[in-house]
Amino acid sequence: MEFSAKQIAQVIQGTIEGDENATVHTFAKIEEGQPGAISFLSNPKYTHYIYDTKSTIVLIDKSVELEKPSPATLIRVDNAYECVAKLLQIYEAAKPRKSGIDPLASISPKATVGKDVYVGAFAVIGDNAVIGDGCQIYPHAVIGDGVKVGEQCLIYPNVTIYHGCVLGNRVTLHAGSVVGSDGFGFAPSANGYDKIPQIGIVTIEDDVEIGANTCIDRSTMGSTYVRKGVKLDNLVQIAHNTDIGENTVMSAQVGIAGSTKVGQWCMFGGQVGIAGHITIGNKVFLGAQSGVPSSLGDNQTLIGTPPMEKLPYFKSQAIFQKLPDLYKQIMRLQKEVDELKKSK
């Protein structure tokens, strides 16, 4: 499918510099441009690529001033990065959708499957499950008994949704993710550890995207909640009875311990660890590998363990690197002090 510069400019309200009839059919990074591709420039470090890129069209911020002409047709916009994201969404939506029920799928006669649903080979849909209109369920996905899946959900291969869990509309679960596995609940006893039954569920609200091999545990009682608009990367662990606030995003290998409440619009870098039974406020930004042992208020940008503001953290790290030399100096000073004491 091809689009002209004129068509693209109309969609993103851009201004064309060059051939408005130039057409593209794919995307490429500006440094890897090719004929028929559209690229974008938003990082000033990549500006030099625009002078010899082979891409046919380049999206560029209105504020960028070029030293010489570019061979590409330019479309100037307020924010090139946001515009390319919009175009990618349109491009993805234009791809053909799978349809129909594969004869090798296993669907309980007690399940309810909506209109225009695709179910791939060896996918399983359990008793009393409800699948909303327009869902895409890929091969080897397992949807347990009593699960409710909203409309236009995308469930990739080998996803497992345990019994009773609830998904809203437009939820995406990437390959290997697990929703509703038992929370990690065990009580010490004389003979080892007695398992505490996890009788709750997981509730995932609308427009949530869950990365590959991410696990969200069911609650001991009640529900673990992933609220509207949350985006989780691959290999994220959400423990039982947690509540993840709207539009929060987490990078890979974040771990949230049980019964923790995370606010809205938070951003956690890779390998952030959050202790259990605490509250994280709204708009909290945590740098990669931060460890959070206690509750945090709203509107903070922190890093480290325990987390601190960025400037004190980096100053502390600079001092930490000098500790071996400082230790040697202290030992020399201590030796001099001891010698002075002996000489008295």
Protein backbone atom coordinates (compact mmCIF):
# COMPACT_ATOMS: atom_id res chain seq x y z
CA MET A 1 0.00 0.00 0.00
CA GLU A 2 1.42 3.35 -1.07
CA PHE A 3 0.85 6.82 0.33
CA SER A 4 1.85 10.14 -1.20
CA ALA A 5 3.48 13.03 0.59
CA LYS A 6 0.27 15.01 0.08
CA GLN A 7 -1.85 12.31 1.74
CA ILE A 8 0.56 11.99 4.66
CA ALA A 9 0.75 15.75 5.18
CA GLN A 10 -3.04 15.95 5.34
CA VAL A 11 -3.16 13.28 8.06
CA ILE A 12 -0.52 14.90 10.27
CA GLN A 13 -1.17 18.55 9.35
CA GLY A 14 2.31 18.98 7.92
CA THR A 15 3.87 21.36 5.39
CA ILE A 16 5.53 19.83 2.31
CA GLU A 17 8.92 20.91 0.99
CA GLY A 18 9.52 19.10 -2.30
CA ASP A 19 7.43 16.75 -4.42
CA GLU A 20 3.92 16.37 -3.00
CA ASN A 21 3.36 13.37 -5.29
CA ALA A 22 6.33 11.40 -3.93
CA THR A 23 5.10 8.03 -2.66
CA VAL A 24 6.26 5.62 0.05
CA HIS A 25 5.27 2.11 1.05
CA THR A 26 7.47 1.39 4.08
CA PHE A 27 9.37 2.94 7.01
CA ALA A 28 13.13 3.19 7.60
CA LYS A 29 15.51 4.85 10.02
CA ILE A 30 17.01 7.95 8.47
CA GLU A 31 20.53 6.48 8.57
CA GLU A 32 19.25 3.34 6.80
CA GLY A 33 17.03 5.12 4.28
CA GLN A 34 15.91 3.50 1.06
CA PRO A 35 13.79 4.56 -1.92
CA GLY A 36 10.09 4.23 -1.17
CA ALA A 37 10.61 4.66 2.58
CA ILE A 38 9.55 7.40 4.97
CA SER A 39 11.94 8.37 7.78
CA PHE A 40 11.90 10.97 10.52
CA LEU A 41 14.34 13.35 12.16
CA SER A 42 13.77 14.43 15.75
CA ASN A 43 17.21 14.01 17.36
CA PRO A 44 19.68 16.78 16.35
CA LYS A 45 22.54 14.24 16.49
CA TYR A 46 21.13 12.63 13.34
CA THR A 47 20.74 15.83 11.32
CA HIS A 48 23.73 15.09 9.08
CA TYR A 49 21.96 12.01 7.68
CA ILE A 50 19.26 14.14 6.08
CA TYR A 51 21.69 15.53 3.50
CA ASP A 52 22.32 12.18 1.84
CA THR A 53 19.48 9.92 2.99
CA LYS A 54 18.01 7.65 0.35
CA SER A 55 14.54 7.77 1.93
CA THR A 56 11.89 9.33 -0.29
CA ILE A 57 10.16 11.32 2.46
CA VAL A 58 11.44 12.60 5.81
CA LEU A 59 9.34 14.00 8.63
CA ILE A 60 11.17 16.87 10.33
CA ASP A 61 10.37 19.34 13.09
CA LYS A 62 9.48 22.85 11.94
CA SER A 63 12.15 24.24 14.25
CA VAL A 64 15.05 22.46 12.50
CA GLU A 65 17.12 24.70 10.23
CA LEU A 66 19.07 22.89 7.51
CA GLU A 67 22.44 24.06 6.20
CA LYS A 68 21.79 22.73 2.69
CA PRO A 69 18.96 21.07 0.73
CA SER A 70 17.99 17.46 1.30
CA PRO A 71 17.38 15.03 -1.58
CA ALA A 72 14.23 13.82 0.17
CA THR A 73 10.80 15.41 0.17
CA LEU A 74 10.37 16.96 3.62
CA ILE A 75 7.19 17.20 5.64
CA ARG A 76 7.58 19.71 8.43
CA VAL A 77 5.51 19.18 11.59
CA ASP A 78 5.47 20.38 15.18
CA ASN A 79 6.74 17.05 16.55
CA ALA A 80 8.17 14.50 14.11
CA TYR A 81 8.43 11.73 16.72
CA GLU A 82 4.76 11.96 17.64
CA CYS A 83 3.74 12.09 13.99
CA VAL A 84 5.69 8.99 13.00
CA ALA A 85 4.07 7.15 15.90
CA LYS A 86 0.66 8.15 14.52
CA LEU A 87 1.61 6.99 11.03
CA LEU A 88 2.90 3.67 12.36
CA GLN A 89 -0.43 3.12 14.09
CA ILE A 90 -2.26 3.78 10.82
CA TYR A 91 0.13 1.46 8.96
CA GLU A 92 -0.37 -1.32 11.52
CA ALA A 93 -4.15 -0.93 11.43
CA ALA A 94 -4.11 -1.29 7.62
CA LYS A 95 -2.58 -4.78 7.78
CA PRO A 96 -5.03 -7.60 6.98
CA ARG A 97 -6.58 -9.23 10.05
CA LYS A 98 -6.88 -12.95 10.52
CA SER A 99 -10.39 -14.33 10.68
CA GLY A 100 -12.30 -17.50 11.37
CA ILE A 101 -12.05 -20.38 13.82
CA ASP A 102 -9.36 -22.92 13.04
CA PRO A 103 -10.74 -26.46 13.09
CA LEU A 104 -7.92 -27.47 15.43
CA ALA A 105 -8.95 -24.91 18.07
CA SER A 106 -10.67 -26.26 21.19
CA ILE A 107 -13.66 -24.14 22.21
CA SER A 108 -15.97 -25.27 24.99
CA PRO A 109 -19.63 -25.53 23.93
CA LYS A 110 -20.35 -23.53 27.09
CA ALA A 111 -18.19 -20.61 25.94
CA THR A 112 -19.56 -17.50 24.24
CA VAL A 113 -17.60 -16.19 21.26
CA GLY A 114 -18.51 -12.85 19.70
CA LYS A 115 -18.58 -11.70 16.08
CA ASP A 116 -15.54 -11.45 13.79
CA VAL A 117 -13.30 -13.40 16.16
CA TYR A 118 -10.17 -15.27 15.04
CA VAL A 119 -9.10 -18.35 17.01
CA GLY A 120 -5.90 -20.08 15.88
CA ALA A 121 -4.93 -23.74 15.85
CA PHE A 122 -4.59 -25.44 19.25
CA ALA A 123 -5.92 -22.42 21.12
CA VAL A 124 -8.17 -23.41 24.03
CA ILE A 125 -11.22 -21.53 25.33
CA GLY A 126 -12.70 -22.97 28.52
CA ASP A 127 -16.16 -23.42 29.97
CA ASN A 128 -18.25 -20.26 30.42
CA ALA A 129 -15.53 -18.04 28.94
CA VAL A 130 -16.79 -14.96 27.10
CA ILE A 131 -14.86 -13.58 24.13
CA GLY A 132 -15.86 -10.14 22.83
CA ASP A 133 -16.31 -9.06 19.22
CA GLY A 134 -13.26 -8.63 17.02
CA CYS A 135 -10.75 -10.47 19.21
CA GLN A 136 -7.70 -12.17 17.72
CA ILE A 137 -6.60 -15.27 19.62
CA TYR A 138 -3.44 -16.84 18.21
CA PRO A 139 -2.37 -20.50 18.29
CA HIS A 140 -1.68 -22.23 21.62
CA ALA A 141 -3.26 -19.47 23.69
CA VAL A 142 -5.21 -20.79 26.67
CA ILE A 143 -8.24 -18.91 28.02
CA GLY A 144 -9.47 -20.55 31.19
CA ASP A 145 -12.92 -21.27 32.53
CA GLY A 146 -15.05 -18.23 33.26
CA VAL A 147 -12.61 -15.73 31.77
CA LYS A 148 -14.18 -12.58 30.31
CA VAL A 149 -12.36 -10.93 27.39
CA GLY A 150 -13.61 -7.61 26.04
CA GLU A 151 -13.78 -6.44 22.44
CA GLN A 152 -10.89 -6.02 19.97
CA CYS A 153 -8.35 -7.79 22.19
CA LEU A 154 -5.15 -9.24 20.74
CA ILE A 155 -3.90 -12.42 22.43
CA TYR A 156 -0.67 -13.74 20.96
CA PRO A 157 0.62 -17.35 20.94
CA ASN A 158 1.18 -19.20 24.22
CA VAL A 159 -0.59 -16.62 26.36
CA THR A 160 -2.29 -18.17 29.40
CA ILE A 161 -5.24 -16.50 31.14
CA TYR A 162 -6.25 -18.41 34.25
CA HIS A 163 -9.82 -19.03 35.34
CA GLY A 164 -12.09 -16.15 36.26
CA CYS A 165 -9.86 -13.27 35.16
CA VAL A 166 -11.33 -10.24 33.38
CA LEU A 167 -9.93 -8.27 30.43
CA GLY A 168 -11.33 -4.99 29.16
CA ASN A 169 -11.46 -3.77 25.56
CA ARG A 170 -8.44 -3.40 23.25
CA VAL A 171 -6.09 -5.31 25.55
CA THR A 172 -2.92 -6.75 23.99
CA LEU A 173 -1.16 -9.73 25.59
CA HIS A 174 2.14 -10.65 23.97
CA ALA A 175 3.51 -14.16 23.61
CA GLY A 176 4.08 -16.16 26.75
CA SER A 177 2.49 -13.71 29.16
CA VAL A 178 0.54 -15.19 32.07
CA VAL A 179 -2.47 -13.56 33.69
CA GLY A 180 -3.89 -14.98 36.90
CA SER A 181 -1.23 -17.42 38.09
CA ASP A 182 -1.23 -17.94 41.86
CA GLY A 183 0.13 -15.19 44.04
CA PHE A 184 3.24 -16.16 46.01
CA GLY A 185 1.53 -16.92 49.30
CA PHE A 186 2.94 -19.45 51.76
CA ALA A 187 2.71 -19.70 55.56
CA PRO A 188 5.68 -21.15 57.50
CA SER A 189 4.84 -24.29 59.47
CA ALA A 190 6.68 -26.99 61.37
CA ASN A 191 6.84 -29.08 58.21
CA GLY A 192 7.87 -26.33 55.80
CA TYR A 193 5.49 -23.96 54.08
CA ASP A 194 1.73 -24.31 53.76
CA LYS A 195 0.26 -22.86 50.60
CA ILE A 196 -2.31 -20.09 51.07
CA PRO A 197 -4.99 -20.58 48.41
CA GLN A 198 -5.25 -17.65 46.02
CA ILE A 199 -8.97 -17.37 45.36
CA GLY A 200 -9.10 -13.91 43.76
CA ILE A 201 -8.68 -12.84 40.14
CA VAL A 202 -6.84 -10.36 37.91
CA THR A 203 -8.72 -7.44 36.36
CA ILE A 204 -7.12 -5.74 33.35
CA GLU A 205 -8.90 -2.60 32.18
CA ASP A 206 -9.16 -1.08 28.68
CA ASP A 207 -6.22 -0.24 26.39
CA VAL A 208 -3.59 -2.14 28.37
CA GLU A 209 -0.58 -3.75 26.66
CA ILE A 210 1.35 -6.54 28.38
CA GLY A 211 4.79 -7.58 27.12
CA ALA A 212 6.10 -11.06 26.37
CA ASN A 213 6.67 -13.37 29.35
CA THR A 214 5.23 -10.88 31.80
CA CYS A 215 3.35 -12.39 34.75
CA ILE A 216 0.45 -10.87 36.68
CA ASP A 217 -0.56 -12.87 39.76
CA ARG A 218 -4.13 -13.35 40.93
CA SER A 219 -5.04 -11.93 44.32
CA THR A 220 -5.40 -13.87 47.54
CA MET A 221 -8.91 -12.41 47.74
CA GLY A 222 -10.58 -9.74 45.62
CA SER A 223 -8.56 -8.71 42.56
CA THR A 224 -5.16 -7.64 41.35
CA TYR A 225 -5.77 -4.55 39.16
CA VAL A 226 -4.01 -3.24 36.07
CA ARG A 227 -5.82 -0.01 35.30
CA LYS A 228 -6.71 1.65 32.02
CA GLY A 229 -3.87 2.51 29.62
CA VAL A 230 -1.06 0.72 31.48
CA LYS A 231 1.86 -0.48 29.35
CA LEU A 232 4.15 -3.22 30.67
CA ASP A 233 7.33 -4.33 28.94
CA ASN A 234 8.61 -7.90 28.69
CA LEU A 235 9.52 -9.91 31.81
CA VAL A 236 7.66 -7.73 34.30
CA GLN A 237 6.37 -9.32 37.53
CA ILE A 238 3.20 -7.96 39.13
CA ALA A 239 2.47 -9.71 42.43
CA HIS A 240 -0.87 -10.49 44.05
CA ASN A 241 -3.24 -7.79 45.27
CA THR A 242 -1.32 -4.97 43.61
CA ASP A 243 -3.09 -2.05 41.96
CA ILE A 244 -1.29 -0.41 39.03
CA GLY A 245 -2.67 3.06 38.28
CA GLU A 246 -3.87 4.38 34.93
CA ASN A 247 -1.33 5.11 32.18
CA THR A 248 1.65 3.87 34.16
CA VAL A 249 4.49 2.34 32.12
CA MET A 250 7.19 -0.12 33.21
CA SER A 251 10.32 -1.26 31.40
CA ALA A 252 11.63 -4.82 31.34
CA GLN A 253 12.31 -6.79 34.53
CA VAL A 254 10.45 -4.48 36.88
CA GLY A 255 9.16 -6.33 39.93
CA ILE A 256 6.25 -5.14 42.07
CA ALA A 257 5.74 -7.00 45.36
CA GLY A 258 2.34 -7.88 46.77
CA SER A 259 -0.35 -5.49 48.00
CA THR A 260 1.42 -2.42 46.63
CA LYS A 261 -0.53 0.46 45.09
CA VAL A 262 1.11 2.33 42.23
CA GLY A 263 -0.32 5.68 41.15
CA GLN A 264 -1.23 7.10 37.76
CA TRP A 265 1.22 8.19 35.03
CA CYS A 266 4.27 6.63 36.71
CA MET A 267 7.33 5.56 34.70
CA PHE A 268 9.71 2.86 35.95
CA GLY A 269 13.01 2.06 34.26
CA GLY A 270 14.37 -1.45 33.78
CA GLN A 271 14.86 -3.69 36.85
CA VAL A 272 13.16 -1.35 39.28
CA GLY A 273 12.11 -3.24 42.41
CA ILE A 274 9.18 -2.15 44.59
CA ALA A 275 8.66 -3.56 48.09
CA GLY A 276 5.30 -4.90 49.19
CA HIS A 277 2.50 -3.19 51.12
CA ILE A 278 3.54 0.35 50.17
CA THR A 279 2.04 3.18 48.10
CA ILE A 280 3.71 4.93 45.17
CA GLY A 281 2.16 8.30 44.31
CA ASN A 282 1.14 9.71 40.94
CA LYS A 283 3.75 10.76 38.35
CA VAL A 284 6.67 9.08 40.06
CA PHE A 285 9.62 8.47 37.72
CA LEU A 286 12.16 5.87 38.84
CA GLY A 287 15.50 5.31 37.13
CA ALA A 288 16.71 1.86 36.13
CA GLN A 289 17.61 -0.55 38.97
CA SER A 290 16.10 1.66 41.65
CA GLY A 291 14.99 -0.19 44.77
CA VAL A 292 12.03 1.24 46.69
CA PRO A 293 11.62 0.01 50.30
CA SER A 294 8.95 2.47 51.46
CA SER A 295 6.11 4.66 50.19
CA LEU A 296 6.71 7.64 47.89
CA GLY A 297 4.66 10.80 47.37
CA ASP A 298 3.51 12.35 44.10
CA ASN A 299 5.58 14.08 41.40
CA GLN A 300 9.07 12.78 42.09
CA THR A 301 11.98 11.81 39.83
CA LEU A 302 14.28 9.44 41.71
CA ILE A 303 17.05 6.91 41.20
CA GLY A 304 19.06 4.48 43.32
CA THR A 305 18.49 2.32 46.40
CA PRO A 306 16.95 3.78 48.45
CA PRO A 307 15.88 6.21 45.72
CA MET A 308 17.02 9.82 45.82
CA GLU A 309 16.87 12.80 43.48
CA LYS A 310 19.12 12.56 40.45
CA LEU A 311 21.69 15.27 41.27
CA PRO A 312 22.48 14.02 44.82
CA TYR A 313 22.55 10.46 43.46
CA PHE A 314 25.15 11.24 40.79
CA LYS A 315 27.21 13.25 43.28
CA SER A 316 27.12 10.30 45.66
CA GLN A 317 28.22 7.94 42.90
CA ALA A 318 31.15 10.21 42.09
CA ILE A 319 32.24 10.10 45.74
CA PHE A 320 31.70 6.34 45.92
CA GLN A 321 34.23 5.81 43.13
CA LYS A 322 36.82 7.70 45.18
CA LEU A 323 36.25 5.67 48.37
CA PRO A 324 39.33 3.39 47.94
CA ASP A 325 41.64 6.43 47.76
CA LEU A 326 39.79 8.16 50.60
CA TYR A 327 40.16 5.03 52.72
CA LYS A 328 43.92 4.99 52.13
CA GLN A 329 44.15 8.66 53.12
CA ILE A 330 42.16 8.02 56.30
CA MET A 331 44.40 5.09 57.23
CA ARG A 332 47.53 7.22 56.71
CA LEU A 333 46.04 9.99 58.84
CA GLN A 334 45.11 7.47 61.53
CA LYS A 335 48.68 6.15 61.55
CA GLU A 336 50.05 9.68 61.94
CA VAL A 337 47.61 10.38 64.79
CA ASP A 338 48.64 7.15 66.54
CA GLU A 339 52.33 8.06 66.20
CA LEU A 340 51.70 11.56 67.60
CA LYS A 341 49.89 10.04 70.60
CA LYS A 342 52.83 7.71 71.27
CA SER A 343 55.35 10.59 71.09
CA LYS A 344 53.61 12.52 73.90
